[in-house]
Amino acid sequence: MKFHPCFLLLGTLCLGGFSTGALAGTVTLDLTSATPMDPRYAGHAGTGMFGPDVAGVQNFTVSAQAGNPFTFPAQLQLFCIELAQNIYLNSTGNQFTVVKAEQGSSGGPYSPLGANIPNAGIGGTRATNLGVLYAHKFGSSYNPGALSDPEKLGFQLAVWELSHDDDFNLLAGSGNGFWVTTPLDAATTEAQTLVSWVQVNAATAPKMELYALHSDSIQDFLVPIPEPSAYAAVAGLVVLVAARRMRGKIVAG
């Protein structure tokens, strides 16, 4: 089964020694499923038409990784930023290079669907808008699996709009941009609400740090890296719980 959609990261990243310096790592993913499978969406992107395509969360198993400044968890849920290339359900050995978010979808356009994405990638402005979108929806607890099906669909549609277009409108035509034609439903309403919020608040709102998983042959995906403070809070909680358990053992003894 062929997919023209994309999705995001599930689980906790281990950021020991994490650095935002030059990246040269790779990660190899097996695509195990996508949720939900329906409804499927059709519309325009670049100078072409897409769909009907799946627009939910793509669920991956990490089969290999090397050279990264952080460790990926064994299971990932990813949202896609590239309609111009495909990925296949149950495909294995999909290898990606970890790059900065603004370099996502670089090297295209690959097909008319990527005609509105520069050769160098989606660029800094779109990457920033996506970071704001992720922080707005997930805060410091990125877990797309907890979203309802309309929310999963709507979030992916919003990601496509912000990675493929600059007009913050996914319900109307915009030259070589991105917009959905069918179905117009609760998910497209959700997506437009998210995109409009980003348009109004992008200059002042918090943003989540994002990286892209890039491939020259299959679609690219975004990986959110939660703020270090979130990990510090989690680590502090773990230490506190451990201390209380140890205290209880000592008192009981």
Foldseek 3Di string as FASTA:
>chain_A
DKALWKFWFADAKAQVQNDPDDFWKKWWKFFADWPPQDDAFWWAAQPDIDDSGGQFWTKIATPDMDRGNIDGDRITTWTFQASLAMDDHRDGGHMFGKAFQQQFPAQDPNDSRSNQADNSHLHDVLSLLVQLLQCVVQPQHDHRVPDDRLQRRLSNLLSNQSSGHDPLDQDDDDHNGHHTDPDPDSSVVSNSVSSVVSVVCSVPGGGFGWIKTDDPHGTITIYTHGDVVVVVVVVVVVVVVVVVVVVVVVVVD
